[in-house]
Structures are given as C-alpha cells and as structure tokens.
Amino acid sequence: MALPPGLSTVTVTGTYLHPGGAPLKGSLLFKPEPAILTSASLGALVLGTVEATLDSNGTFTATLLATDDPDVTPVGWTYRVTERWADANGRSYALSLPAATPTVDLADVAPTAPASGEYVVVTGPRGNAVLSGVGTPASSLGANGDYYVDTAAYPVSATMYGPKASGAWPLNGIPIGGGDGSGPPGKSAYELAVLNGYSGTITQWLASLVGPAGATGATGATGPQGPKGDKGDPGAAGSGGGASIRTATVRVTNDNLSGLPAAGSWAIVQTSGGTKLQASIAATVGDRIRVSGAFMRVGSHFLDWALLSSAGAISVYAGSGTSSPLLQGHPAMYPSLSFSYVTGDELFTVSSGHIDGGGLATIALVHLGSSSDSSSKVYAYPDYPWRVRLENIGPEPA
C-alpha cells in the first residue's frame, strides 16, 4: 500500500556484493526516529519499520517517506538503517532523505569507514551541520539549515542559534546549557548530536566543541582560548550496541510497604500506589535487552523477570527462557534464606510481538503467590528504592 497522495517520497536503491563479486543475502531495515510521525493535514500516522530484502543479485529498491516533508511532524527526523546480513557482519547508521533528491543510491551516501569512527548522518544533498565558536555567528558562516553554538560562556552555559534561513542567522539564541531540550523540539544542537548517535553528557559535548588553548605569545603569556573549527556530525550508533549502548533506568519509591496482593496466576508487581514495576526501552526485532535489577524483598511470593508483549501481557519468562514459567519462578529469586544464590543480569531477545506502537520493548517484575498480607513485599520506598536498568546491546553479531 502506498503513502497517501501529497506526501513526498524518495526511492532508495542499492547493491551489496562480497569482495569476490557474489551477492550478499539479507535485508535492510528503515525505521523512522522518532518512532511515530504525524501528518495532521492528511489525517495519517506513520510508524513501524520498512524491510527491503536483497534479490538474487544483491539488489534492493525501497520507496520511503522524505524526511523533510512539510506536512509531517516532528521536523528534523531521520531513518535508522540497520543491515541484517546472513553471510556478513551488518551495521547501523542514521540516514536523511530530503525530497530534493528523489532517488538515492546507498553506495553514494552510506558511511564507508566504520572501523575508524567516520560515521555521519548521511543524506543525498548536504546535511545540516552543527558549528561552534565564541560569540554570535557571522553572517558568512555556515549554510541554510545549519546550527551554531556560542561557547563564550562555557562551561557555565552555551547558546544555540539556528537554523540559518535565507542566508541569515536568528537574532536571538536559545540557552542549551542544561541540555533539557528547551529549544525547538528535536532541534537544539545537543539534541541533534544525540539523535545522530552521541552518547555523552551535555557538558562533555560542549567541551568537545572548545578548541585547544592558544599558543604562547611573545611576552611568554598564554594566548586566548581559540575556537574549534567546524565540527562534523557525531558517529551514528545502532538501536543498541556498537559505539554506544542505549540504556533506560527506572527508580520507583512511592510504595507504603503494605505488601503484595494475592496472585493466583503470574502478574506484574504493582506498588500500593498503582505503579507497575517495569521499564521500557527503544528496540527493533532481534535486539538483545540486558536487565539489571536492584531491590529488597521479603515474604513467600515467587518472582521472575518477564518480557512483555506489545499489548502489555507477559510473553517470555527469564527463569525458563520461554512463554511458560518455572513452577516457583526464577531460582535466584526463590523466597527463602535457607539457600545460597548466584545472581546476575538477564537477557531477552526482542521479536516483533514485543514492540509496542511507540517502538518500545518492556521488561517487568512479575510475581505469583496465594497469600495477601503485609509479610510479602517488594520494597519500593524512598529509603529502599526499587531500581532496574535496561541496556539494548543490539542484535547478535553474525
């Protein structure tokens, strides 16, 4: 089924061969980031992943929504391209597809030196750049669509200008020192850097924009700080793994320690305030999600970690590794102090039925127990917080 009339599209082609000339086997996934796009004028939501499978010659063709269509929000989004090869190692990178280039061959735009870190957000025509310097940007600096960061007040703060339009920079900049997204949605320079795969803090990113100290002057005094030259886009990372690992951390502290309710069948643990003890993280099919939990518990209820379905139901149990739970839950969570335990992180592999409409996979703490009293508790209290960290480490290497 085609996109609604009125939306701009770009046709992407490519051919993948082994060094000896034999065609590769596999497919490419094109996933919008963010996960849900909206066209209010056409009454349409665009989400999900487009898979393009190589033919017997190693060639594919895919027609995709242009990333700068004026009828689609948010603006400034990209595709996450993930290569899935049956007979070679794949990779992942960000791709911009402006409508001005209606046909794009990936051989012309895909990154070619991943081993040395030369990743960029690739596009048909020139992409938006994030520039930096001390003071307001000169009118001659940059091109339309670029952003500029004034580092004069760094490390206390910094100011973002952009995008440049009609050959002129905006008169007023936007503070970005807190890295809180106070600028236009998805358009602050730091947010662009994160979108393109940067995993550091706002402070680390600003520090990377400042050039080395000036050379010693004739009197022997150190010269003034010199601005760093134009900085290219940070390296792109996949949905997980690679140069950076996507993480999600949840801390729950709203329980009054009233105890677990009776659960005749396995159910997600909830606090007395109604908060489910679970966490979600962006993922695609084949990604591996590592789970690390830290909390206190007492009582007779059995516990386990579970990967939920896209509808929020329990799908896979960590204890068994299947959709059927062990009789008494996860062995390392057995409710008795008569045994010694060996604990560690858990690992789930995501399938299509585990990803919700927002592109998220969810892991929950689940329990089973017939008793309902104050002696069975999972602590989620300010002095005894319930914590879990999810890490998307990407697909299993080929």
Protein backbone atom coordinates (compact mmCIF):
# COMPACT_ATOMS: atom_id res chain seq x y z
CA MET A 1 0.00 0.00 0.00
CA ALA A 2 1.37 3.41 -0.99
CA LEU A 3 1.63 6.51 1.21
CA PRO A 4 -1.29 8.98 0.98
CA PRO A 5 -1.15 11.32 -2.04
CA GLY A 6 0.52 14.59 -1.16
CA LEU A 7 3.41 13.16 0.86
CA SER A 8 6.90 13.40 -0.65
CA THR A 9 8.81 10.16 -1.21
CA VAL A 10 12.38 9.16 -2.02
CA THR A 11 13.33 5.95 -3.83
CA VAL A 12 16.35 4.28 -2.26
CA THR A 13 18.35 1.66 -4.16
CA GLY A 14 21.48 -0.32 -3.50
CA THR A 15 23.54 -3.38 -4.42
CA TYR A 16 25.58 -5.38 -1.88
CA LEU A 17 28.35 -7.72 -3.02
CA HIS A 18 31.10 -9.78 -1.44
CA PRO A 19 34.68 -8.80 -2.36
CA GLY A 20 34.71 -11.67 -4.84
CA GLY A 21 31.54 -10.43 -6.56
CA ALA A 22 28.97 -12.82 -5.09
CA PRO A 23 25.74 -11.08 -3.93
CA LEU A 24 25.07 -10.77 -0.21
CA LYS A 25 21.98 -12.34 1.35
CA GLY A 26 19.79 -10.46 3.80
CA SER A 27 17.79 -7.27 4.17
CA LEU A 28 17.87 -3.66 5.35
CA LEU A 29 15.52 -2.14 7.93
CA PHE A 30 14.46 1.52 7.63
CA LYS A 31 12.94 2.80 10.86
CA PRO A 32 11.91 6.47 11.46
CA GLU A 33 13.36 8.16 14.54
CA PRO A 34 11.29 9.23 16.40
CA ALA A 35 9.11 6.15 16.15
CA ILE A 36 5.80 7.89 15.33
CA LEU A 37 5.34 10.61 12.69
CA THR A 38 2.14 12.59 12.19
CA SER A 39 0.58 14.25 9.15
CA ALA A 40 -2.31 16.28 10.53
CA SER A 41 -3.30 17.68 7.13
CA LEU A 42 -3.75 14.18 5.72
CA GLY A 43 -5.00 12.58 8.92
CA ALA A 44 -2.31 9.91 8.95
CA LEU A 45 0.16 8.42 11.45
CA VAL A 46 3.37 6.89 10.09
CA LEU A 47 5.23 4.35 12.23
CA GLY A 48 6.94 0.99 12.11
CA THR A 49 9.82 -0.38 10.06
CA VAL A 50 10.20 -0.92 6.31
CA GLU A 51 12.20 -4.02 5.40
CA ALA A 52 13.90 -4.20 2.00
CA THR A 53 15.14 -7.70 1.10
CA LEU A 54 18.01 -8.21 -1.34
CA ASP A 55 17.17 -10.12 -4.51
CA SER A 56 19.34 -12.82 -6.06
CA ASN A 57 21.67 -10.12 -7.44
CA GLY A 58 22.14 -8.46 -4.04
CA THR A 59 19.97 -5.50 -5.10
CA PHE A 60 17.02 -3.78 -3.42
CA THR A 61 14.64 -0.86 -4.07
CA ALA A 62 12.51 0.88 -1.42
CA THR A 63 10.25 3.92 -1.70
CA LEU A 64 10.21 5.85 1.59
CA LEU A 65 8.69 8.99 3.06
CA ALA A 66 11.00 12.01 2.63
CA THR A 67 12.47 13.17 5.94
CA ASP A 68 11.71 16.85 5.30
CA ASP A 69 8.10 16.62 4.06
CA PRO A 70 6.43 19.87 5.24
CA ASP A 71 3.18 18.03 6.10
CA VAL A 72 4.89 15.72 8.61
CA THR A 73 5.82 16.42 12.22
CA PRO A 74 8.13 16.41 14.06
CA VAL A 75 10.69 18.06 11.79
CA GLY A 76 14.35 17.11 11.57
CA TRP A 77 13.88 13.35 11.86
CA THR A 78 16.00 10.64 10.25
CA TYR A 79 15.82 6.94 9.42
CA ARG A 80 17.77 4.37 11.39
CA VAL A 81 19.17 1.99 8.76
CA THR A 82 20.06 -1.47 10.07
CA GLU A 83 21.79 -4.01 7.87
CA ARG A 84 20.90 -7.65 8.55
CA TRP A 85 23.13 -9.99 6.53
CA ALA A 86 23.06 -13.78 6.61
CA ASP A 87 26.64 -14.04 5.37
CA ALA A 88 28.42 -10.90 6.64
CA ASN A 89 28.50 -8.50 9.57
CA GLY A 90 25.89 -5.74 9.45
CA ARG A 91 25.91 -2.22 10.86
CA SER A 92 23.52 0.62 11.68
CA TYR A 93 23.56 4.31 10.83
CA ALA A 94 21.31 7.36 10.51
CA LEU A 95 20.04 8.42 7.08
CA SER A 96 18.36 11.63 5.95
CA LEU A 97 16.25 11.52 2.77
CA PRO A 98 15.31 15.06 1.67
CA ALA A 99 12.67 15.36 -1.03
CA ALA A 100 15.07 17.45 -3.14
CA THR A 101 16.84 14.20 -4.05
CA PRO A 102 14.02 11.86 -5.17
CA THR A 103 16.40 8.97 -5.98
CA VAL A 104 19.28 7.91 -3.73
CA ASP A 105 21.77 5.07 -4.18
CA LEU A 106 23.17 3.98 -0.81
CA ALA A 107 26.55 3.45 -2.45
CA ASP A 108 26.77 7.25 -2.78
CA VAL A 109 25.84 8.16 0.79
CA ALA A 110 26.42 5.28 3.24
CA PRO A 111 29.40 5.58 5.64
CA THR A 112 32.45 3.76 4.28
CA ALA A 113 34.96 3.68 7.15
CA PRO A 114 33.17 2.42 10.27
CA ALA A 115 36.31 0.93 11.77
CA SER A 116 37.92 4.34 12.13
CA GLY A 117 34.84 6.05 13.51
CA GLU A 118 33.98 8.07 10.40
CA TYR A 119 30.22 7.87 10.89
CA VAL A 120 27.94 10.69 9.75
CA VAL A 121 24.23 11.19 9.31
CA VAL A 122 24.15 10.52 5.59
CA THR A 123 21.90 12.16 3.06
CA GLY A 124 21.58 12.82 -0.66
CA PRO A 125 22.38 16.57 -0.63
CA ARG A 126 24.38 18.33 2.05
CA GLY A 127 23.05 17.77 5.59
CA ASN A 128 22.60 20.23 8.45
CA ALA A 129 25.84 20.96 10.29
CA VAL A 130 26.37 21.87 13.94
CA LEU A 131 29.01 24.63 14.07
CA SER A 132 30.59 26.35 17.06
CA GLY A 133 32.61 29.39 18.04
CA VAL A 134 32.96 32.24 20.54
CA GLY A 135 30.32 34.94 20.16
CA THR A 136 27.38 35.30 17.79
CA PRO A 137 27.70 33.66 14.35
CA ALA A 138 28.94 35.74 11.43
CA SER A 139 26.51 36.04 8.54
CA SER A 140 29.05 34.40 6.22
CA LEU A 141 29.34 31.31 8.43
CA GLY A 142 27.51 28.11 7.52
CA ALA A 143 24.70 27.33 5.11
CA ASN A 144 20.92 27.37 5.33
CA GLY A 145 19.71 24.74 7.74
CA ASP A 146 22.87 24.78 9.87
CA TYR A 147 23.03 25.32 13.65
CA TYR A 148 25.65 27.24 15.63
CA VAL A 149 26.68 27.02 19.31
CA ASP A 150 28.20 30.06 21.05
CA THR A 151 30.64 28.71 23.68
CA ALA A 152 31.70 32.12 25.06
CA ALA A 153 30.13 31.44 28.48
CA TYR A 154 31.11 27.75 28.63
CA PRO A 155 31.25 25.85 30.99
CA VAL A 156 28.54 27.87 32.79
CA SER A 157 26.23 27.90 29.77
CA ALA A 158 26.07 27.87 25.98
CA THR A 159 23.72 29.36 23.38
CA MET A 160 22.34 27.73 20.24
CA TYR A 161 21.42 29.68 17.06
CA GLY A 162 19.58 28.17 14.14
CA PRO A 163 18.53 27.02 11.78
CA LYS A 164 20.10 29.51 9.40
CA ALA A 165 17.50 30.55 6.82
CA SER A 166 17.61 32.77 3.72
CA GLY A 167 21.29 33.38 4.40
CA ALA A 168 20.70 34.86 7.88
CA TRP A 169 21.09 33.57 11.44
CA PRO A 170 18.32 34.21 14.01
CA LEU A 171 18.96 37.37 16.07
CA ASN A 172 18.35 35.62 19.37
CA GLY A 173 19.89 32.38 20.54
CA ILE A 174 18.43 29.70 22.80
CA PRO A 175 20.23 28.62 26.03
CA ILE A 176 21.13 24.93 25.93
CA GLY A 177 23.45 24.69 28.94
CA GLY A 178 21.09 22.37 30.79
CA GLY A 179 20.63 20.04 27.83
CA ASP A 180 16.93 19.94 28.70
CA GLY A 181 15.52 20.33 25.21
CA SER A 182 14.41 23.91 25.87
CA GLY A 183 14.93 24.75 22.21
CA PRO A 184 12.60 23.81 19.35
CA PRO A 185 11.59 20.11 19.68
CA GLY A 186 14.35 17.91 18.30
CA LYS A 187 16.28 20.92 17.01
CA SER A 188 18.76 22.02 19.67
CA ALA A 189 22.34 21.29 18.67
CA TYR A 190 22.84 18.87 21.56
CA GLU A 191 19.63 17.04 20.65
CA LEU A 192 20.83 16.76 17.06
CA ALA A 193 24.09 15.30 18.34
CA VAL A 194 22.23 12.72 20.45
CA LEU A 195 19.92 11.91 17.54
CA ASN A 196 23.00 11.19 15.42
CA GLY A 197 24.41 8.73 17.95
CA TYR A 198 26.28 10.88 20.52
CA SER A 199 26.06 9.25 23.98
CA GLY A 200 27.90 11.72 26.22
CA THR A 201 26.52 14.35 28.60
CA ILE A 202 25.81 17.96 27.60
CA THR A 203 28.97 19.03 29.49
CA GLN A 204 31.13 16.52 27.64
CA TRP A 205 29.62 17.55 24.32
CA LEU A 206 30.22 21.26 24.93
CA ALA A 207 33.78 20.50 25.99
CA SER A 208 34.34 18.76 22.66
CA LEU A 209 33.38 21.98 20.86
CA VAL A 210 36.09 24.09 22.52
CA GLY A 211 39.45 24.21 20.79
CA PRO A 212 42.88 23.90 22.43
CA ALA A 213 44.48 26.83 24.28
CA GLY A 214 46.14 29.49 22.15
CA ALA A 215 49.89 29.47 21.56
CA THR A 216 52.26 31.30 23.93
CA GLY A 217 52.61 34.96 22.94
CA ALA A 218 55.81 36.96 22.50
CA THR A 219 55.77 38.03 26.18
CA GLY A 220 55.52 34.46 27.31
CA ALA A 221 51.90 34.72 28.43
CA THR A 222 49.40 32.13 27.29
CA GLY A 223 47.27 33.32 24.40
CA PRO A 224 43.47 33.42 24.50
CA GLN A 225 41.35 30.36 24.01
CA GLY A 226 40.83 29.69 20.30
CA PRO A 227 37.51 28.38 18.94
CA LYS A 228 37.45 24.95 17.47
CA GLY A 229 36.76 24.63 13.76
CA ASP A 230 33.54 23.26 12.26
CA LYS A 231 32.67 20.01 13.90
CA GLY A 232 31.23 17.20 11.84
CA ASP A 233 28.25 15.15 12.93
CA PRO A 234 28.95 12.63 15.72
CA GLY A 235 29.13 8.96 14.88
CA ALA A 236 25.85 7.14 14.41
CA ALA A 237 25.09 4.13 16.53
CA GLY A 238 22.54 1.40 16.08
CA SER A 239 19.47 0.88 18.24
CA GLY A 240 21.89 -0.74 20.68
CA GLY A 241 25.48 -1.96 20.90
CA GLY A 242 28.28 -0.57 18.75
CA ALA A 243 30.00 2.60 19.92
CA SER A 244 27.22 3.32 22.41
CA ILE A 245 24.66 1.23 24.27
CA ARG A 246 21.16 2.61 24.68
CA THR A 247 20.02 2.45 28.33
CA ALA A 248 16.84 3.07 30.30
CA THR A 249 16.71 3.35 34.09
CA VAL A 250 13.64 3.31 36.34
CA ARG A 251 13.51 4.06 40.08
CA VAL A 252 10.23 3.61 41.99
CA THR A 253 9.76 4.97 45.51
CA ASN A 254 6.00 5.51 46.00
CA ASP A 255 5.02 2.35 47.91
CA ASN A 256 3.85 2.44 51.55
CA LEU A 257 5.11 -1.11 52.19
CA SER A 258 1.58 -2.52 52.51
CA GLY A 259 2.51 -5.82 50.90
CA LEU A 260 1.83 -7.80 47.72
CA PRO A 261 -1.77 -8.73 46.83
CA ALA A 262 -2.72 -12.34 46.17
CA ALA A 263 -1.86 -13.53 42.65
CA GLY A 264 -3.19 -16.95 41.65
CA SER A 265 -1.51 -16.60 38.26
CA TRP A 266 1.62 -14.70 37.27
CA ALA A 267 1.07 -10.93 37.30
CA ILE A 268 3.13 -7.74 37.08
CA VAL A 269 4.13 -6.43 40.50
CA GLN A 270 2.50 -3.09 41.33
CA THR A 271 3.07 -0.71 44.20
CA SER A 272 0.23 0.22 46.52
CA GLY A 273 0.14 3.48 44.54
CA GLY A 274 -0.61 1.56 41.32
CA THR A 275 2.84 1.90 39.69
CA LYS A 276 3.88 -1.17 37.72
CA LEU A 277 7.44 -2.27 38.43
CA GLN A 278 8.60 -2.30 34.83
CA ALA A 279 10.80 -0.39 32.39
CA SER A 280 10.72 0.19 28.62
CA ILE A 281 13.44 0.83 26.05
CA ALA A 282 13.51 1.52 22.31
CA ALA A 283 14.20 -1.65 20.35
CA THR A 284 13.89 -3.37 16.98
CA VAL A 285 13.42 -7.03 16.09
CA GLY A 286 16.48 -9.08 17.04
CA ASP A 287 17.83 -6.65 19.65
CA ARG A 288 19.01 -8.12 22.94
CA ILE A 289 17.87 -6.39 26.14
CA ARG A 290 20.01 -6.84 29.24
CA VAL A 291 18.17 -6.47 32.57
CA SER A 292 19.86 -5.48 35.82
CA GLY A 293 17.63 -5.08 38.90
CA ALA A 294 18.39 -3.97 42.46
CA PHE A 295 15.77 -4.09 45.21
CA MET A 296 14.78 -5.67 48.55
CA ARG A 297 12.01 -8.25 49.04
CA VAL A 298 10.56 -10.43 51.80
CA GLY A 299 7.76 -12.99 52.04
CA SER A 300 6.59 -16.13 50.27
CA HIS A 301 5.69 -14.87 46.77
CA PHE A 302 7.66 -16.24 43.82
CA LEU A 303 9.30 -13.67 41.48
CA ASP A 304 10.69 -13.57 37.96
CA TRP A 305 11.58 -11.09 35.20
CA ALA A 306 9.35 -11.12 32.12
CA LEU A 307 9.46 -9.63 28.63
CA LEU A 308 6.00 -8.26 27.81
CA SER A 309 4.09 -8.45 24.55
CA SER A 310 3.18 -5.33 22.57
CA ALA A 311 -0.18 -5.39 24.40
CA GLY A 312 1.46 -5.46 27.84
CA ALA A 313 0.91 -9.15 28.62
CA ILE A 314 3.61 -11.49 29.96
CA SER A 315 5.32 -13.15 26.98
CA VAL A 316 8.72 -14.61 27.99
CA TYR A 317 9.95 -15.53 31.47
CA ALA A 318 13.64 -15.13 32.34
CA GLY A 319 13.67 -18.19 34.59
CA SER A 320 12.62 -20.58 31.83
CA GLY A 321 13.54 -18.54 28.77
CA THR A 322 10.14 -19.44 27.28
CA SER A 323 6.50 -18.40 27.46
CA SER A 324 5.92 -21.00 30.23
CA PRO A 325 7.13 -20.05 33.74
CA LEU A 326 9.02 -22.30 36.09
CA LEU A 327 6.82 -23.67 38.86
CA GLN A 328 8.41 -21.49 41.55
CA GLY A 329 9.71 -18.61 39.48
CA HIS A 330 13.30 -17.52 38.96
CA PRO A 331 15.66 -19.73 41.01
CA ALA A 332 17.81 -16.74 42.06
CA MET A 333 14.67 -15.04 43.47
CA TYR A 334 13.41 -18.03 45.48
CA PRO A 335 11.79 -16.74 48.72
CA SER A 336 13.97 -18.45 51.30
CA LEU A 337 17.17 -17.63 53.19
CA SER A 338 17.99 -21.34 53.56
CA PHE A 339 19.82 -21.32 50.23
CA SER A 340 22.79 -19.52 48.76
CA TYR A 341 22.15 -17.74 45.46
CA VAL A 342 24.17 -16.89 42.39
CA THR A 343 22.64 -13.84 40.73
CA GLY A 344 23.38 -11.94 37.53
CA ASP A 345 21.87 -9.95 34.71
CA GLU A 346 19.15 -11.41 32.50
CA LEU A 347 18.99 -11.23 28.70
CA PHE A 348 15.91 -11.17 26.46
CA THR A 349 15.81 -11.19 22.64
CA VAL A 350 13.10 -8.98 21.15
CA SER A 351 10.70 -10.24 18.47
CA SER A 352 8.04 -8.36 16.52
CA GLY A 353 5.33 -9.24 19.05
CA HIS A 354 7.25 -7.50 21.84
CA ILE A 355 7.41 -3.99 20.33
CA ASP A 356 4.56 -1.59 21.08
CA GLY A 357 3.26 1.23 18.86
CA GLY A 358 5.93 3.57 20.20
CA GLY A 359 8.80 1.26 19.21
CA LEU A 360 9.43 0.18 22.83
CA ALA A 361 10.06 -3.20 24.45
CA THR A 362 9.08 -3.58 28.12
CA ILE A 363 10.53 -5.74 30.92
CA ALA A 364 8.55 -6.22 34.15
CA LEU A 365 8.97 -7.84 37.56
CA VAL A 366 6.24 -10.47 37.93
CA HIS A 367 5.02 -12.46 40.94
CA LEU A 368 2.92 -15.46 41.94
CA GLY A 369 1.50 -16.16 45.41
CA SER A 370 -1.79 -17.07 47.03
CA SER A 371 -1.20 -15.10 50.22
CA SER A 372 -2.12 -11.43 50.58
CA ASP A 373 -0.57 -9.95 53.67
CA SER A 374 2.00 -7.44 54.83
CA SER A 375 4.70 -10.12 55.18
CA SER A 376 5.13 -10.43 51.39
CA LYS A 377 6.66 -7.25 49.97
CA VAL A 378 8.77 -5.88 47.16
CA TYR A 379 10.23 -2.69 48.57
CA ALA A 380 9.79 0.47 46.51
CA TYR A 381 10.17 3.15 49.14
CA PRO A 382 12.31 6.33 49.39
CA ASP A 383 14.71 4.66 51.83
CA TYR A 384 14.55 1.31 49.97
CA PRO A 385 14.03 2.15 46.26
CA TRP A 386 13.18 -0.37 43.55
CA ARG A 387 15.56 0.04 40.63
CA VAL A 388 16.08 -1.56 37.24
CA ARG A 389 18.39 -0.73 34.33
CA LEU A 390 17.79 -1.92 30.77
CA GLU A 391 20.55 -1.98 28.18
CA ASN A 392 19.89 -2.54 24.47
CA ILE A 393 23.10 -4.19 23.27
CA GLY A 394 21.82 -4.72 19.74
CA PRO A 395 21.44 -7.92 17.69
CA GLU A 396 23.66 -10.97 17.97
CA PRO A 397 26.69 -10.45 15.66
CA ALA A 398 26.64 -12.57 12.50
